[in-house]
Amino acid sequence: MNAKFVRLSYRIAPLLFALSLAACSTFPSENQDPAKNNKATYNKDLRECKEDYPEMGSGVHIRQWINCMKLKGWN
């Protein structure tokens, strides 16, 4: 039973790694408004989104943070 689990995990691990990289690459990092396109504003907006949508074990909070940042003008 353990050998089957190990073989399965070797097949699934690269897929999970690739998906996590794809998720990170889609996180907004540039604001439409040039005046707001700086690190201080980005950190403030992200902190507000994290307060509005706390972390969950399922990972849904990341999608909520992305959508929140997009509403604030970040692409």
PDB file of N, CA and C in Angstrom:
ATOM      1  N   MET A   1       0.823  -1.204   0.000  1.00  0.00           N
ATOM      2  CA  MET A   1       0.000   0.000   0.000  1.00  0.00           C
ATOM      3  C   MET A   1       0.857   1.254   0.000  1.00  0.00           C
ATOM      4  N   ASN A   2       1.915   1.284   0.765  1.00  0.00           N
ATOM      5  CA  ASN A   2       2.771   2.462   0.825  1.00  0.00           C
ATOM      6  C   ASN A   2       3.504   2.707  -0.492  1.00  0.00           C
ATOM      7  N   ALA A   3       3.908   1.662  -1.177  1.00  0.00           N
ATOM      8  CA  ALA A   3       4.610   1.814  -2.446  1.00  0.00           C
ATOM      9  C   ALA A   3       3.699   2.462  -3.492  1.00  0.00           C
ATOM     10  N   LYS A   4       2.421   2.109  -3.501  1.00  0.00           N
ATOM     11  CA  LYS A   4       1.476   2.718  -4.435  1.00  0.00           C
ATOM     12  C   LYS A   4       1.318   4.204  -4.137  1.00  0.00           C
ATOM     13  N   PHE A   5       1.257   4.532  -2.864  1.00  0.00           N
ATOM     14  CA  PHE A   5       1.119   5.940  -2.468  1.00  0.00           C
ATOM     15  C   PHE A   5       2.337   6.745  -2.891  1.00  0.00           C
ATOM     16  N   VAL A   6       3.517   6.194  -2.730  1.00  0.00           N
ATOM     17  CA  VAL A   6       4.753   6.880  -3.112  1.00  0.00           C
ATOM     18  C   VAL A   6       4.786   7.106  -4.616  1.00  0.00           C
ATOM     19  N   ARG A   7       4.438   6.092  -5.403  1.00  0.00           N
ATOM     20  CA  ARG A   7       4.421   6.249  -6.860  1.00  0.00           C
ATOM     21  C   ARG A   7       3.402   7.311  -7.282  1.00  0.00           C
ATOM     22  N   LEU A   8       2.250   7.302  -6.645  1.00  0.00           N
ATOM     23  CA  LEU A   8       1.217   8.281  -6.958  1.00  0.00           C
ATOM     24  C   LEU A   8       1.679   9.688  -6.592  1.00  0.00           C
ATOM     25  N   SER A   9       2.334   9.820  -5.463  1.00  0.00           N
ATOM     26  CA  SER A   9       2.790  11.144  -5.049  1.00  0.00           C
ATOM     27  C   SER A   9       3.868  11.684  -5.981  1.00  0.00           C
ATOM     28  N   TYR A  10       4.699  10.810  -6.557  1.00  0.00           N
ATOM     29  CA  TYR A  10       5.702  11.253  -7.526  1.00  0.00           C
ATOM     30  C   TYR A  10       5.047  11.760  -8.813  1.00  0.00           C
ATOM     31  N   ARG A  11       3.876  11.260  -9.125  1.00  0.00           N
ATOM     32  CA  ARG A  11       3.172  11.719 -10.322  1.00  0.00           C
ATOM     33  C   ARG A  11       2.407  13.015 -10.063  1.00  0.00           C
ATOM     34  N   ILE A  12       1.880  13.162  -8.868  1.00  0.00           N
ATOM     35  CA  ILE A  12       1.053  14.318  -8.549  1.00  0.00           C
ATOM     36  C   ILE A  12       1.892  15.534  -8.157  1.00  0.00           C
ATOM     37  N   ALA A  13       3.028  15.345  -7.523  1.00  0.00           N
ATOM     38  CA  ALA A  13       3.843  16.457  -7.029  1.00  0.00           C
ATOM     39  C   ALA A  13       4.228  17.451  -8.129  1.00  0.00           C
ATOM     40  N   PRO A  14       4.720  17.006  -9.289  1.00  0.00           N
ATOM     41  CA  PRO A  14       5.057  17.991 -10.336  1.00  0.00           C
ATOM     42  C   PRO A  14       3.845  18.787 -10.824  1.00  0.00           C
ATOM     43  N   LEU A  15       2.700  18.142 -10.881  1.00  0.00           N
ATOM     44  CA  LEU A  15       1.486  18.827 -11.299  1.00  0.00           C
ATOM     45  C   LEU A  15       1.110  19.914 -10.295  1.00  0.00           C
ATOM     46  N   LEU A  16       1.151  19.592  -9.018  1.00  0.00           N
ATOM     47  CA  LEU A  16       0.834  20.570  -7.988  1.00  0.00           C
ATOM     48  C   LEU A  16       1.828  21.726  -8.006  1.00  0.00           C
ATOM     49  N   PHE A  17       3.090  21.419  -8.241  1.00  0.00           N
ATOM     50  CA  PHE A  17       4.117  22.456  -8.317  1.00  0.00           C
ATOM     51  C   PHE A  17       3.845  23.394  -9.491  1.00  0.00           C
ATOM     52  N   ALA A  18       3.508  22.853 -10.627  1.00  0.00           N
ATOM     53  CA  ALA A  18       3.218  23.665 -11.810  1.00  0.00           C
ATOM     54  C   ALA A  18       1.987  24.542 -11.589  1.00  0.00           C
ATOM     55  N   LEU A  19       0.971  23.985 -10.975  1.00  0.00           N
ATOM     56  CA  LEU A  19      -0.233  24.767 -10.696  1.00  0.00           C
ATOM     57  C   LEU A  19       0.039  25.893  -9.712  1.00  0.00           C
ATOM     58  N   SER A  20       0.868  25.639  -8.722  1.00  0.00           N
ATOM     59  CA  SER A  20       1.184  26.693  -7.755  1.00  0.00           C
ATOM     60  C   SER A  20       1.984  27.815  -8.411  1.00  0.00           C
ATOM     61  N   LEU A  21       2.874  27.487  -9.337  1.00  0.00           N
ATOM     62  CA  LEU A  21       3.605  28.527 -10.062  1.00  0.00           C
ATOM     63  C   LEU A  21       2.671  29.350 -10.936  1.00  0.00           C
ATOM     64  N   ALA A  22       1.732  28.700 -11.556  1.00  0.00           N
ATOM     65  CA  ALA A  22       0.769  29.411 -12.402  1.00  0.00           C
ATOM     66  C   ALA A  22      -0.099  30.338 -11.562  1.00  0.00           C
ATOM     67  N   ALA A  23      -0.474  29.910 -10.382  1.00  0.00           N
ATOM     68  CA  ALA A  23      -1.296  30.741  -9.501  1.00  0.00           C
ATOM     69  C   ALA A  23      -0.526  31.973  -9.051  1.00  0.00           C
ATOM     70  N   CYS A  24       0.741  31.816  -8.759  1.00  0.00           N
ATOM     71  CA  CYS A  24       1.552  32.945  -8.320  1.00  0.00           C
ATOM     72  C   CYS A  24       1.779  33.944  -9.438  1.00  0.00           C
ATOM     73  N   SER A  25       1.878  33.482 -10.639  1.00  0.00           N
ATOM     74  CA  SER A  25       2.166  34.378 -11.753  1.00  0.00           C
ATOM     75  C   SER A  25       0.973  35.246 -12.127  1.00  0.00           C
ATOM     76  N   THR A  26      -0.225  34.901 -11.697  1.00  0.00           N
ATOM     77  CA  THR A  26      -1.402  35.671 -12.053  1.00  0.00           C
ATOM     78  C   THR A  26      -1.774  36.698 -10.997  1.00  0.00           C
ATOM     79  N   PHE A  27      -1.008  36.810  -9.919  1.00  0.00           N
ATOM     80  CA  PHE A  27      -1.323  37.772  -8.870  1.00  0.00           C
ATOM     81  C   PHE A  27      -1.052  39.185  -9.387  1.00  0.00           C
ATOM     82  N   PRO A  28      -2.018  40.106  -9.254  1.00  0.00           N
ATOM     83  CA  PRO A  28      -1.851  41.465  -9.787  1.00  0.00           C
ATOM     84  C   PRO A  28      -0.641  42.182  -9.178  1.00  0.00           C
ATOM     85  N   SER A  29       0.071  42.954 -10.004  1.00  0.00           N
ATOM     86  CA  SER A  29       1.255  43.639  -9.493  1.00  0.00           C
ATOM     87  C   SER A  29       1.412  45.063 -10.023  1.00  0.00           C
ATOM     88  N   GLU A  30       0.534  45.496 -10.924  1.00  0.00           N
ATOM     89  CA  GLU A  30       0.660  46.838 -11.503  1.00  0.00           C
ATOM     90  C   GLU A  30      -0.697  47.525 -11.478  1.00  0.00           C
ATOM     91  N   ASN A  31      -0.713  48.782 -11.020  1.00  0.00           N
ATOM     92  CA  ASN A  31      -1.963  49.527 -10.923  1.00  0.00           C
ATOM     93  C   ASN A  31      -2.200  50.319 -12.201  1.00  0.00           C
ATOM     94  N   GLN A  32      -3.484  50.474 -12.543  1.00  0.00           N
ATOM     95  CA  GLN A  32      -3.860  51.239 -13.732  1.00  0.00           C
ATOM     96  C   GLN A  32      -3.528  52.718 -13.559  1.00  0.00           C
ATOM     97  N   ASP A  33      -3.638  53.203 -12.323  1.00  0.00           N
ATOM     98  CA  ASP A  33      -3.359  54.605 -12.016  1.00  0.00           C
ATOM     99  C   ASP A  33      -1.868  54.767 -11.713  1.00  0.00           C
ATOM    100  N   PRO A  34      -1.124  55.506 -12.530  1.00  0.00           N
ATOM    101  CA  PRO A  34       0.317  55.652 -12.299  1.00  0.00           C
ATOM    102  C   PRO A  34       0.659  56.244 -10.931  1.00  0.00           C
ATOM    103  N   ALA A  35      -0.214  57.071 -10.387  1.00  0.00           N
ATOM    104  CA  ALA A  35       0.050  57.664  -9.077  1.00  0.00           C
ATOM    105  C   ALA A  35      -0.008  56.627  -7.959  1.00  0.00           C
ATOM    106  N   LYS A  36      -0.771  55.567  -8.161  1.00  0.00           N
ATOM    107  CA  LYS A  36      -0.905  54.514  -7.148  1.00  0.00           C
ATOM    108  C   LYS A  36       0.021  53.330  -7.411  1.00  0.00           C
ATOM    109  N   ASN A  37       0.760  53.383  -8.482  1.00  0.00           N
ATOM    110  CA  ASN A  37       1.602  52.258  -8.870  1.00  0.00           C
ATOM    111  C   ASN A  37       2.940  52.317  -8.124  1.00  0.00           C
ATOM    112  N   ASN A  38       2.890  52.064  -6.804  1.00  0.00           N
ATOM    113  CA  ASN A  38       4.104  52.034  -5.986  1.00  0.00           C
ATOM    114  C   ASN A  38       3.960  50.971  -4.898  1.00  0.00           C
ATOM    115  N   LYS A  39       5.070  50.637  -4.284  1.00  0.00           N
ATOM    116  CA  LYS A  39       5.091  49.533  -3.332  1.00  0.00           C
ATOM    117  C   LYS A  39       4.259  49.818  -2.081  1.00  0.00           C
ATOM    118  N   ALA A  40       4.271  51.054  -1.604  1.00  0.00           N
ATOM    119  CA  ALA A  40       3.522  51.396  -0.389  1.00  0.00           C
ATOM    120  C   ALA A  40       2.020  51.219  -0.603  1.00  0.00           C
ATOM    121  N   THR A  41       1.510  51.702  -1.733  1.00  0.00           N
ATOM    122  CA  THR A  41       0.082  51.563  -2.039  1.00  0.00           C
ATOM    123  C   THR A  41      -0.279  50.102  -2.257  1.00  0.00           C
ATOM    124  N   TYR A  42       0.603  49.378  -2.940  1.00  0.00           N
ATOM    125  CA  TYR A  42       0.366  47.953  -3.170  1.00  0.00           C
ATOM    126  C   TYR A  42       0.243  47.208  -1.844  1.00  0.00           C
ATOM    127  N   ASN A  43       1.186  47.439  -0.932  1.00  0.00           N
ATOM    128  CA  ASN A  43       1.159  46.760   0.365  1.00  0.00           C
ATOM    129  C   ASN A  43      -0.075  47.140   1.169  1.00  0.00           C
ATOM    130  N   LYS A  44      -0.484  48.411   1.112  1.00  0.00           N
ATOM    131  CA  LYS A  44      -1.683  48.865   1.828  1.00  0.00           C
ATOM    132  C   LYS A  44      -2.926  48.166   1.279  1.00  0.00           C
ATOM    133  N   ASP A  45      -3.051  48.139  -0.049  1.00  0.00           N
ATOM    134  CA  ASP A  45      -4.217  47.504  -0.670  1.00  0.00           C
ATOM    135  C   ASP A  45      -4.249  45.999  -0.386  1.00  0.00           C
ATOM    136  N   LEU A  46      -3.094  45.357  -0.459  1.00  0.00           N
ATOM    137  CA  LEU A  46      -3.040  43.923  -0.181  1.00  0.00           C
ATOM    138  C   LEU A  46      -3.386  43.631   1.273  1.00  0.00           C
ATOM    139  N   ARG A  47      -2.889  44.461   2.185  1.00  0.00           N
ATOM    140  CA  ARG A  47      -3.204  44.284   3.612  1.00  0.00           C
ATOM    141  C   ARG A  47      -4.705  44.412   3.846  1.00  0.00           C
ATOM    142  N   GLU A  48      -5.348  45.393   3.175  1.00  0.00           N
ATOM    143  CA  GLU A  48      -6.801  45.561   3.308  1.00  0.00           C
ATOM    144  C   GLU A  48      -7.546  44.338   2.778  1.00  0.00           C
ATOM    145  N   CYS A  49      -7.091  43.811   1.649  1.00  0.00           N
ATOM    146  CA  CYS A  49      -7.736  42.616   1.090  1.00  0.00           C
ATOM    147  C   CYS A  49      -7.571  41.419   2.028  1.00  0.00           C
ATOM    148  N   LYS A  50      -6.397  41.292   2.634  1.00  0.00           N
ATOM    149  CA  LYS A  50      -6.162  40.186   3.560  1.00  0.00           C
ATOM    150  C   LYS A  50      -7.018  40.319   4.816  1.00  0.00           C
ATOM    151  N   GLU A  51      -7.284  41.558   5.241  1.00  0.00           N
ATOM    152  CA  GLU A  51      -8.170  41.766   6.388  1.00  0.00           C
ATOM    153  C   GLU A  51      -9.608  41.402   6.032  1.00  0.00           C
ATOM    154  N   ASP A  52     -10.021  41.756   4.804  1.00  0.00           N
ATOM    155  CA  ASP A  52     -11.394  41.470   4.368  1.00  0.00           C
ATOM    156  C   ASP A  52     -11.632  39.987   4.124  1.00  0.00           C
ATOM    157  N   TYR A  53     -10.599  39.295   3.634  1.00  0.00           N
ATOM    158  CA  TYR A  53     -10.715  37.867   3.313  1.00  0.00           C
ATOM    159  C   TYR A  53      -9.599  37.100   4.019  1.00  0.00           C
ATOM    160  N   PRO A  54      -9.841  36.655   5.260  1.00  0.00           N
ATOM    161  CA  PRO A  54      -8.793  35.940   6.006  1.00  0.00           C
ATOM    162  C   PRO A  54      -8.440  34.600   5.363  1.00  0.00           C
ATOM    163  N   GLU A  55      -7.269  34.101   5.709  1.00  0.00           N
ATOM    164  CA  GLU A  55      -6.783  32.842   5.144  1.00  0.00           C
ATOM    165  C   GLU A  55      -7.689  31.682   5.534  1.00  0.00           C
ATOM    166  N   MET A  56      -7.864  30.766   4.586  1.00  0.00           N
ATOM    167  CA  MET A  56      -8.652  29.551   4.800  1.00  0.00           C
ATOM    168  C   MET A  56      -7.794  28.363   4.406  1.00  0.00           C
ATOM    169  N   GLY A  57      -8.069  27.237   4.982  1.00  0.00           N
ATOM    170  CA  GLY A  57      -7.282  26.048   4.695  1.00  0.00           C
ATOM    171  C   GLY A  57      -7.419  25.554   3.272  1.00  0.00           C
ATOM    172  N   SER A  58      -8.505  25.902   2.609  1.00  0.00           N
ATOM    173  CA  SER A  58      -8.750  25.393   1.258  1.00  0.00           C
ATOM    174  C   SER A  58      -8.019  26.184   0.180  1.00  0.00           C
ATOM    175  N   GLY A  59      -7.519  27.364   0.492  1.00  0.00           N
ATOM    176  CA  GLY A  59      -6.824  28.182  -0.486  1.00  0.00           C
ATOM    177  C   GLY A  59      -7.723  29.127  -1.260  1.00  0.00           C
ATOM    178  N   VAL A  60      -8.996  29.163  -0.933  1.00  0.00           N
ATOM    179  CA  VAL A  60      -9.949  30.034  -1.621  1.00  0.00           C
ATOM    180  C   VAL A  60      -9.590  31.500  -1.402  1.00  0.00           C
ATOM    181  N   HIS A  61      -8.966  31.793  -0.282  1.00  0.00           N
ATOM    182  CA  HIS A  61      -8.631  33.180   0.049  1.00  0.00           C
ATOM    183  C   HIS A  61      -7.702  33.816  -0.986  1.00  0.00           C
ATOM    184  N   ILE A  62      -6.860  33.040  -1.631  1.00  0.00           N
ATOM    185  CA  ILE A  62      -5.943  33.602  -2.623  1.00  0.00           C
ATOM    186  C   ILE A  62      -6.718  34.157  -3.811  1.00  0.00           C
ATOM    187  N   ARG A  63      -7.702  33.413  -4.291  1.00  0.00           N
ATOM    188  CA  ARG A  63      -8.545  33.893  -5.401  1.00  0.00           C
ATOM    189  C   ARG A  63      -9.300  35.148  -4.967  1.00  0.00           C
ATOM    190  N   GLN A  64      -9.760  35.188  -3.705  1.00  0.00           N
ATOM    191  CA  GLN A  64     -10.461  36.360  -3.208  1.00  0.00           C
ATOM    192  C   GLN A  64      -9.535  37.567  -3.131  1.00  0.00           C
ATOM    193  N   TRP A  65      -8.289  37.348  -2.721  1.00  0.00           N
ATOM    194  CA  TRP A  65      -7.318  38.445  -2.675  1.00  0.00           C
ATOM    195  C   TRP A  65      -7.057  38.982  -4.081  1.00  0.00           C
ATOM    196  N   ILE A  66      -6.915  38.087  -5.050  1.00  0.00           N
ATOM    197  CA  ILE A  66      -6.669  38.507  -6.432  1.00  0.00           C
ATOM    198  C   ILE A  66      -7.833  39.354  -6.940  1.00  0.00           C
ATOM    199  N   ASN A  67      -9.057  38.892  -6.715  1.00  0.00           N
ATOM    200  CA  ASN A  67     -10.231  39.642  -7.163  1.00  0.00           C
ATOM    201  C   ASN A  67     -10.342  40.984  -6.442  1.00  0.00           C
ATOM    202  N   CYS A  68     -10.024  41.011  -5.166  1.00  0.00           N
ATOM    203  CA  CYS A  68     -10.045  42.253  -4.391  1.00  0.00           C
ATOM    204  C   CYS A  68      -9.033  43.250  -4.954  1.00  0.00           C
ATOM    205  N   MET A  69      -7.829  42.770  -5.249  1.00  0.00           N
ATOM    206  CA  MET A  69      -6.797  43.644  -5.806  1.00  0.00           C
ATOM    207  C   MET A  69      -7.209  44.166  -7.186  1.00  0.00           C
ATOM    208  N   LYS A  70      -7.861  43.335  -7.982  1.00  0.00           N
ATOM    209  CA  LYS A  70      -8.327  43.778  -9.295  1.00  0.00           C
ATOM    210  C   LYS A  70      -9.389  44.863  -9.155  1.00  0.00           C
ATOM    211  N   LEU A  71     -10.254  44.758  -8.134  1.00  0.00           N
ATOM    212  CA  LEU A  71     -11.251  45.795  -7.893  1.00  0.00           C
ATOM    213  C   LEU A  71     -10.598  47.121  -7.511  1.00  0.00           C
ATOM    214  N   LYS A  72      -9.427  47.046  -6.890  1.00  0.00           N
ATOM    215  CA  LYS A  72      -8.697  48.251  -6.487  1.00  0.00           C
ATOM    216  C   LYS A  72      -7.853  48.818  -7.631  1.00  0.00           C
ATOM    217  N   GLY A  73      -7.900  48.182  -8.804  1.00  0.00           N
ATOM    218  CA  GLY A  73      -7.224  48.711  -9.986  1.00  0.00           C
ATOM    219  C   GLY A  73      -5.899  48.044 -10.313  1.00  0.00           C
ATOM    220  N   TRP A  74      -5.564  46.971  -9.610  1.00  0.00           N
ATOM    221  CA  TRP A  74      -4.290  46.274  -9.875  1.00  0.00           C
ATOM    222  C   TRP A  74      -4.497  45.204 -10.936  1.00  0.00           C
ATOM    223  N   ASN A  75      -3.566  45.137 -11.883  1.00  0.00           N
ATOM    224  CA  ASN A  75      -3.605  44.132 -12.950  1.00  0.00           C
ATOM    225  C   ASN A  75      -2.400  43.239 -12.876  1.00  0.00           C
TER     226      ASN A  75
END
